[in-house]
Structures are given as structure tokens and as C-alpha cells.
């Protein structure tokens, strides 16, 4: 299949609100269980509120999940709402914080969190230039023609005392299976 044909299929899926932008993308990542989180500044609510990943997740058990984009159908209808709904269950299993990361600006992430009722349950963290995503090896370049730039693969991880304890990455980078809150909750 030609590159042009693949791009057209990806655009058609996105326009039709399909959650898969490419069924052929492989999971190529550098992050693995046992690794320390990279030290990257993410942003919460505005550009003045930096959240350094190495510092914020240095102690305790935390969940970080990544999504390709705020306000996109799969992220807004399933992924984020699941973590909001399951927050009490996760907290009961010893999780100190639940954090959503996306390659977006902090204003978009704040608005999306408000729209979804995430306050007090899920922290909405903007990876403005994709540095965190890239350092983890979880960037999703296949969607830049559709979403404007490189985005984040759909993933969920448990971080315990600054180290990755569990890492679930969707096989195609965009699906909705192993990165969902229900999947992760069952594994805790």
C-alpha cells in the first residue's frame, strides 16, 4: 500500500472518529519496567505552573496515563472518564495520584479537565513540546498529519518511588484496551 493511501486511510479514520490512526505502527519504546522516570517539566493549568516529573513522582505510588489528544473522541468518551470514575478504587489500592499527560498546551488540558470533571481526581498535565513523551520513547508520529504534530501513544504506567513499576502501551499506540483504568486497576 502506498504512503499516500495510508495517509488517506488515517485521515478517513480520524474524520470518522475512529480511534486507530494506523494499524501498522509498532510499539517502539525505550522506557521499561524498573526505569526511573525522566526529569521533565510538565505544565498544569498554565505555563507558570511547572510540574517536574522526577520530583512530583519521587515518593509513593502514582498512575500516569498518556493520551494522543485532549477532546478527541476515544480520550474524552472512554479513557479519561474511566480514570475519573475509578479514582476511589485506585486510591483504595494505595495510589497517591492519577495523572493524565498529553502533548498539548496547559490551557487546553485545563479546559479539558474542567469539561470532564477531573478536578480533585485526575491531574491534567501538558507535555507542551513532547519532551516527556519523547524521552519515554512513547511518541506517536503517525498522527501528525491528522492532529498537527507528534503526539503521545496511549499508555498507562504505575510509578512507585520514581520508578516505573508497570507499563501498559497500546499495541497500535491508539487503541483502548490495556491502558484503560479497568485494566490497570485489575493489575494493582
C-alpha atoms as a PDB file:
ATOM      1  CA  UNK A   1       0.000   0.000   0.000  1.00  0.00           C
ATOM      2  CA  UNK A   2       1.375   3.428  -0.899  1.00  0.00           C
ATOM      3  CA  UNK A   3       2.230   6.094   1.674  1.00  0.00           C
ATOM      4  CA  UNK A   4      -0.443   8.357   0.173  1.00  0.00           C
ATOM      5  CA  UNK A   5      -3.055   5.635   0.556  1.00  0.00           C
ATOM      6  CA  UNK A   6      -2.069   5.076   4.187  1.00  0.00           C
ATOM      7  CA  UNK A   7      -2.379   8.813   4.887  1.00  0.00           C
ATOM      8  CA  UNK A   8      -5.801   8.955   3.263  1.00  0.00           C
ATOM      9  CA  UNK A   9      -6.949   5.967   5.331  1.00  0.00           C
ATOM     10  CA  UNK A  10      -5.617   7.628   8.509  1.00  0.00           C
ATOM     11  CA  UNK A  11      -7.441  10.859   7.735  1.00  0.00           C
ATOM     12  CA  UNK A  12     -10.648   8.959   6.965  1.00  0.00           C
ATOM     13  CA  UNK A  13     -10.446   7.125  10.280  1.00  0.00           C
ATOM     14  CA  UNK A  14      -9.858  10.387  12.151  1.00  0.00           C
ATOM     15  CA  UNK A  15     -12.710  12.158  10.367  1.00  0.00           C
ATOM     16  CA  UNK A  16     -14.988   9.242  11.162  1.00  0.00           C
ATOM     17  CA  UNK A  17     -13.829   9.419  14.783  1.00  0.00           C
ATOM     18  CA  UNK A  18     -12.071   6.084  14.603  1.00  0.00           C
ATOM     19  CA  UNK A  19      -9.619   5.531  17.389  1.00  0.00           C
ATOM     20  CA  UNK A  20      -6.957   3.879  15.252  1.00  0.00           C
ATOM     21  CA  UNK A  21      -4.809   6.116  13.123  1.00  0.00           C
ATOM     22  CA  UNK A  22      -2.539   3.332  11.943  1.00  0.00           C
ATOM     23  CA  UNK A  23      -2.886  -0.368  12.442  1.00  0.00           C
ATOM     24  CA  UNK A  24       0.701  -0.991  11.397  1.00  0.00           C
ATOM     25  CA  UNK A  25       2.606   1.143  13.903  1.00  0.00           C
ATOM     26  CA  UNK A  26       4.802  -0.927  16.170  1.00  0.00           C
ATOM     27  CA  UNK A  27       5.403  -0.333  19.834  1.00  0.00           C
ATOM     28  CA  UNK A  28       8.949   1.030  19.810  1.00  0.00           C
ATOM     29  CA  UNK A  29       9.745   2.424  23.189  1.00  0.00           C
ATOM     30  CA  UNK A  30      12.787   2.941  25.292  1.00  0.00           C
ATOM     31  CA  UNK A  31      11.046   3.069  28.705  1.00  0.00           C
ATOM     32  CA  UNK A  32      10.713  -0.202  30.555  1.00  0.00           C
ATOM     33  CA  UNK A  33       9.728  -1.525  33.948  1.00  0.00           C
ATOM     34  CA  UNK A  34      12.395  -0.673  36.512  1.00  0.00           C
ATOM     35  CA  UNK A  35      13.495   2.561  34.827  1.00  0.00           C
ATOM     36  CA  UNK A  36      13.481   5.874  36.665  1.00  0.00           C
ATOM     37  CA  UNK A  37      11.151   8.499  35.254  1.00  0.00           C
ATOM     38  CA  UNK A  38      12.944  11.160  33.234  1.00  0.00           C
ATOM     39  CA  UNK A  39      13.196  14.602  34.783  1.00  0.00           C
ATOM     40  CA  UNK A  40      10.982  16.770  32.571  1.00  0.00           C
ATOM     41  CA  UNK A  41       8.884  19.826  33.319  1.00  0.00           C
ATOM     42  CA  UNK A  42       5.199  19.376  32.502  1.00  0.00           C
ATOM     43  CA  UNK A  43       2.646  22.132  32.984  1.00  0.00           C
ATOM     44  CA  UNK A  44      -0.579  22.190  34.971  1.00  0.00           C
ATOM     45  CA  UNK A  45      -3.258  24.827  34.242  1.00  0.00           C
ATOM     46  CA  UNK A  46      -0.883  27.493  32.850  1.00  0.00           C
ATOM     47  CA  UNK A  47       2.714  27.968  31.667  1.00  0.00           C
ATOM     48  CA  UNK A  48       3.727  29.269  35.112  1.00  0.00           C
ATOM     49  CA  UNK A  49       2.862  26.058  36.949  1.00  0.00           C
ATOM     50  CA  UNK A  50       5.650  23.581  36.268  1.00  0.00           C
ATOM     51  CA  UNK A  51       5.457  20.010  37.500  1.00  0.00           C
ATOM     52  CA  UNK A  52       8.804  18.239  37.349  1.00  0.00           C
ATOM     53  CA  UNK A  53       8.178  14.536  36.782  1.00  0.00           C
ATOM     54  CA  UNK A  54      11.199  13.296  38.760  1.00  0.00           C
ATOM     55  CA  UNK A  55      10.215  15.405  41.767  1.00  0.00           C
ATOM     56  CA  UNK A  56       6.415  15.016  41.641  1.00  0.00           C
ATOM     57  CA  UNK A  57       6.533  11.223  41.439  1.00  0.00           C
ATOM     58  CA  UNK A  58       9.605  10.599  43.622  1.00  0.00           C
ATOM     59  CA  UNK A  59       7.708   9.053  46.508  1.00  0.00           C
ATOM     60  CA  UNK A  60       4.607   6.933  46.706  1.00  0.00           C
ATOM     61  CA  UNK A  61       2.579   5.116  44.070  1.00  0.00           C
ATOM     62  CA  UNK A  62       1.265   7.158  41.126  1.00  0.00           C
ATOM     63  CA  UNK A  63      -0.534   6.447  37.879  1.00  0.00           C
ATOM     64  CA  UNK A  64       0.421   8.332  34.756  1.00  0.00           C
ATOM     65  CA  UNK A  65      -1.576   7.724  31.619  1.00  0.00           C
ATOM     66  CA  UNK A  66      -0.966   9.266  28.238  1.00  0.00           C
ATOM     67  CA  UNK A  67      -3.407  10.121  25.501  1.00  0.00           C
ATOM     68  CA  UNK A  68      -2.985  11.234  21.873  1.00  0.00           C
ATOM     69  CA  UNK A  69      -5.072  14.378  22.344  1.00  0.00           C
ATOM     70  CA  UNK A  70      -7.423  16.300  24.576  1.00  0.00           C
ATOM     71  CA  UNK A  71     -11.043  16.443  23.422  1.00  0.00           C
ATOM     72  CA  UNK A  72     -10.516  13.598  20.927  1.00  0.00           C
ATOM     73  CA  UNK A  73     -13.329  11.002  20.908  1.00  0.00           C
ATOM     74  CA  UNK A  74     -11.598   7.978  22.444  1.00  0.00           C
ATOM     75  CA  UNK A  75      -9.844  10.110  25.042  1.00  0.00           C
ATOM     76  CA  UNK A  76     -12.989  12.036  26.019  1.00  0.00           C
ATOM     77  CA  UNK A  77     -15.559   9.245  25.877  1.00  0.00           C
ATOM     78  CA  UNK A  78     -13.581   6.379  27.390  1.00  0.00           C
ATOM     79  CA  UNK A  79     -10.006   6.895  28.551  1.00  0.00           C
ATOM     80  CA  UNK A  80     -10.134   9.958  30.846  1.00  0.00           C
ATOM     81  CA  UNK A  81     -13.691   9.295  32.140  1.00  0.00           C
ATOM     82  CA  UNK A  82     -12.633   5.794  33.215  1.00  0.00           C
ATOM     83  CA  UNK A  83      -9.846   7.126  35.426  1.00  0.00           C
ATOM     84  CA  UNK A  84     -12.154   9.766  36.892  1.00  0.00           C
ATOM     85  CA  UNK A  85     -14.806   7.135  37.630  1.00  0.00           C
ATOM     86  CA  UNK A  86     -12.292   4.657  39.105  1.00  0.00           C
ATOM     87  CA  UNK A  87     -10.379   7.221  41.179  1.00  0.00           C
ATOM     88  CA  UNK A  88     -11.716   5.930  44.532  1.00  0.00           C
ATOM     89  CA  UNK A  89     -10.860   2.328  43.629  1.00  0.00           C
ATOM     90  CA  UNK A  90      -7.330   3.337  42.648  1.00  0.00           C
ATOM     91  CA  UNK A  91      -6.909   5.424  45.778  1.00  0.00           C
ATOM     92  CA  UNK A  92      -8.063   2.455  47.887  1.00  0.00           C
ATOM     93  CA  UNK A  93      -5.265   0.400  46.289  1.00  0.00           C
ATOM     94  CA  UNK A  94      -2.669   2.873  47.543  1.00  0.00           C
ATOM     95  CA  UNK A  95      -2.395   5.182  44.544  1.00  0.00           C
ATOM     96  CA  UNK A  96      -1.339   8.658  45.664  1.00  0.00           C
ATOM     97  CA  UNK A  97      -2.176  10.481  42.418  1.00  0.00           C
ATOM     98  CA  UNK A  98      -3.649   9.874  38.967  1.00  0.00           C
ATOM     99  CA  UNK A  99      -2.178  11.985  36.164  1.00  0.00           C
ATOM    100  CA  UNK A 100      -3.173  12.466  32.527  1.00  0.00           C
ATOM    101  CA  UNK A 101      -0.429  13.552  30.104  1.00  0.00           C
ATOM    102  CA  UNK A 102      -0.937  14.777  26.555  1.00  0.00           C
ATOM    103  CA  UNK A 103       1.130  16.719  24.049  1.00  0.00           C
ATOM    104  CA  UNK A 104      -0.999  19.853  24.294  1.00  0.00           C
ATOM    105  CA  UNK A 105      -0.770  23.278  25.846  1.00  0.00           C
ATOM    106  CA  UNK A 106      -1.698  23.711  29.530  1.00  0.00           C
ATOM    107  CA  UNK A 107      -4.786  25.816  28.728  1.00  0.00           C
ATOM    108  CA  UNK A 108      -6.275  23.042  26.602  1.00  0.00           C
ATOM    109  CA  UNK A 109      -5.517  20.453  29.274  1.00  0.00           C
ATOM    110  CA  UNK A 110      -7.108  22.641  31.955  1.00  0.00           C
ATOM    111  CA  UNK A 111     -10.244  23.202  29.856  1.00  0.00           C
ATOM    112  CA  UNK A 112     -10.494  19.502  29.059  1.00  0.00           C
ATOM    113  CA  UNK A 113     -10.178  18.613  32.750  1.00  0.00           C
ATOM    114  CA  UNK A 114     -12.923  21.098  33.633  1.00  0.00           C
ATOM    115  CA  UNK A 115     -15.115  19.736  30.838  1.00  0.00           C
ATOM    116  CA  UNK A 116     -14.659  16.162  32.111  1.00  0.00           C
ATOM    117  CA  UNK A 117     -14.952  16.895  35.858  1.00  0.00           C
ATOM    118  CA  UNK A 118     -11.396  15.780  36.625  1.00  0.00           C
ATOM    119  CA  UNK A 119     -10.746  18.247  39.482  1.00  0.00           C
ATOM    120  CA  UNK A 120      -9.611  16.534  42.663  1.00  0.00           C
ATOM    121  CA  UNK A 121      -9.237  13.188  40.896  1.00  0.00           C
ATOM    122  CA  UNK A 122      -7.006  13.415  37.822  1.00  0.00           C
ATOM    123  CA  UNK A 123      -4.233  15.964  37.337  1.00  0.00           C
ATOM    124  CA  UNK A 124      -4.168  17.275  33.782  1.00  0.00           C
ATOM    125  CA  UNK A 125      -0.535  17.703  32.713  1.00  0.00           C
ATOM    126  CA  UNK A 126       0.588  19.275  29.450  1.00  0.00           C
ATOM    127  CA  UNK A 127       3.694  17.918  27.747  1.00  0.00           C
ATOM    128  CA  UNK A 128       3.890  21.078  25.643  1.00  0.00           C
ATOM    129  CA  UNK A 129       6.767  20.099  23.347  1.00  0.00           C
ATOM    130  CA  UNK A 130       6.531  16.327  23.779  1.00  0.00           C
ATOM    131  CA  UNK A 131       9.773  16.093  25.799  1.00  0.00           C
ATOM    132  CA  UNK A 132       8.383  13.656  28.405  1.00  0.00           C
ATOM    133  CA  UNK A 133       6.703  11.556  25.734  1.00  0.00           C
ATOM    134  CA  UNK A 134       9.859  11.507  23.622  1.00  0.00           C
ATOM    135  CA  UNK A 135      12.193  10.640  26.495  1.00  0.00           C
ATOM    136  CA  UNK A 136       9.970   7.685  27.334  1.00  0.00           C
ATOM    137  CA  UNK A 137      10.026   6.640  23.671  1.00  0.00           C
ATOM    138  CA  UNK A 138       6.231   6.870  23.543  1.00  0.00           C
ATOM    139  CA  UNK A 139       5.825   9.451  20.806  1.00  0.00           C
ATOM    140  CA  UNK A 140       3.296   8.751  18.080  1.00  0.00           C
ATOM    141  CA  UNK A 141       4.486  10.457  14.893  1.00  0.00           C
ATOM    142  CA  UNK A 142       1.927   8.699  12.670  1.00  0.00           C
ATOM    143  CA  UNK A 143      -0.837  11.145  13.650  1.00  0.00           C
ATOM    144  CA  UNK A 144       0.908  14.436  12.920  1.00  0.00           C
ATOM    145  CA  UNK A 145      -0.893  14.783   9.593  1.00  0.00           C
ATOM    146  CA  UNK A 146      -4.209  14.497  11.454  1.00  0.00           C
ATOM    147  CA  UNK A 147      -3.551  16.160  14.835  1.00  0.00           C
ATOM    148  CA  UNK A 148      -0.913  18.703  13.793  1.00  0.00           C
ATOM    149  CA  UNK A 149       2.235  17.347  15.402  1.00  0.00           C
ATOM    150  CA  UNK A 150       3.762  14.324  17.055  1.00  0.00           C
ATOM    151  CA  UNK A 151       1.522  13.100  19.867  1.00  0.00           C
ATOM    152  CA  UNK A 152       1.692  10.603  22.698  1.00  0.00           C
ATOM    153  CA  UNK A 153       0.948   6.907  22.347  1.00  0.00           C
ATOM    154  CA  UNK A 154      -1.893   5.769  24.530  1.00  0.00           C
ATOM    155  CA  UNK A 155      -0.311   4.232  27.634  1.00  0.00           C
ATOM    156  CA  UNK A 156      -0.734   3.754  31.369  1.00  0.00           C
ATOM    157  CA  UNK A 157       2.006   3.297  33.921  1.00  0.00           C
ATOM    158  CA  UNK A 158       2.335   2.780  37.628  1.00  0.00           C
ATOM    159  CA  UNK A 159       5.238   4.705  39.100  1.00  0.00           C
ATOM    160  CA  UNK A 160       6.391   3.736  42.568  1.00  0.00           C
ATOM    161  CA  UNK A 161       9.009   5.899  44.295  1.00  0.00           C
ATOM    162  CA  UNK A 162      10.107   7.399  40.974  1.00  0.00           C
ATOM    163  CA  UNK A 163      10.497   4.095  39.131  1.00  0.00           C
ATOM    164  CA  UNK A 164       8.244   2.537  36.514  1.00  0.00           C
ATOM    165  CA  UNK A 165       6.625  -0.472  38.165  1.00  0.00           C
ATOM    166  CA  UNK A 166       4.104  -1.333  35.447  1.00  0.00           C
ATOM    167  CA  UNK A 167       3.846  -0.074  31.864  1.00  0.00           C
ATOM    168  CA  UNK A 168       0.970  -0.838  29.500  1.00  0.00           C
ATOM    169  CA  UNK A 169       1.217   0.582  25.981  1.00  0.00           C
ATOM    170  CA  UNK A 170      -1.490   0.068  23.397  1.00  0.00           C
ATOM    171  CA  UNK A 171      -0.071  -2.196  20.655  1.00  0.00           C
ATOM    172  CA  UNK A 172      -1.052   0.247  17.893  1.00  0.00           C
ATOM    173  CA  UNK A 173      -0.411   3.318  20.062  1.00  0.00           C
ATOM    174  CA  UNK A 174      -4.032   4.470  19.943  1.00  0.00           C
ATOM    175  CA  UNK A 175      -6.344   1.574  20.909  1.00  0.00           C
ATOM    176  CA  UNK A 176      -8.383   1.330  24.087  1.00  0.00           C
ATOM    177  CA  UNK A 177      -7.531  -1.929  25.851  1.00  0.00           C
ATOM    178  CA  UNK A 178      -4.546  -2.348  28.179  1.00  0.00           C
ATOM    179  CA  UNK A 179      -4.216   1.365  29.035  1.00  0.00           C
ATOM    180  CA  UNK A 180      -7.741   1.724  30.426  1.00  0.00           C
ATOM    181  CA  UNK A 181      -8.297   2.265  34.142  1.00  0.00           C
ATOM    182  CA  UNK A 182     -10.171  -1.029  34.437  1.00  0.00           C
ATOM    183  CA  UNK A 183      -7.173  -2.945  33.071  1.00  0.00           C
ATOM    184  CA  UNK A 184      -4.706  -1.178  35.345  1.00  0.00           C
ATOM    185  CA  UNK A 185      -6.976  -1.415  38.392  1.00  0.00           C
ATOM    186  CA  UNK A 186      -7.169  -5.194  37.946  1.00  0.00           C
ATOM    187  CA  UNK A 187      -3.360  -5.385  37.868  1.00  0.00           C
ATOM    188  CA  UNK A 188      -2.737  -3.393  41.078  1.00  0.00           C
END
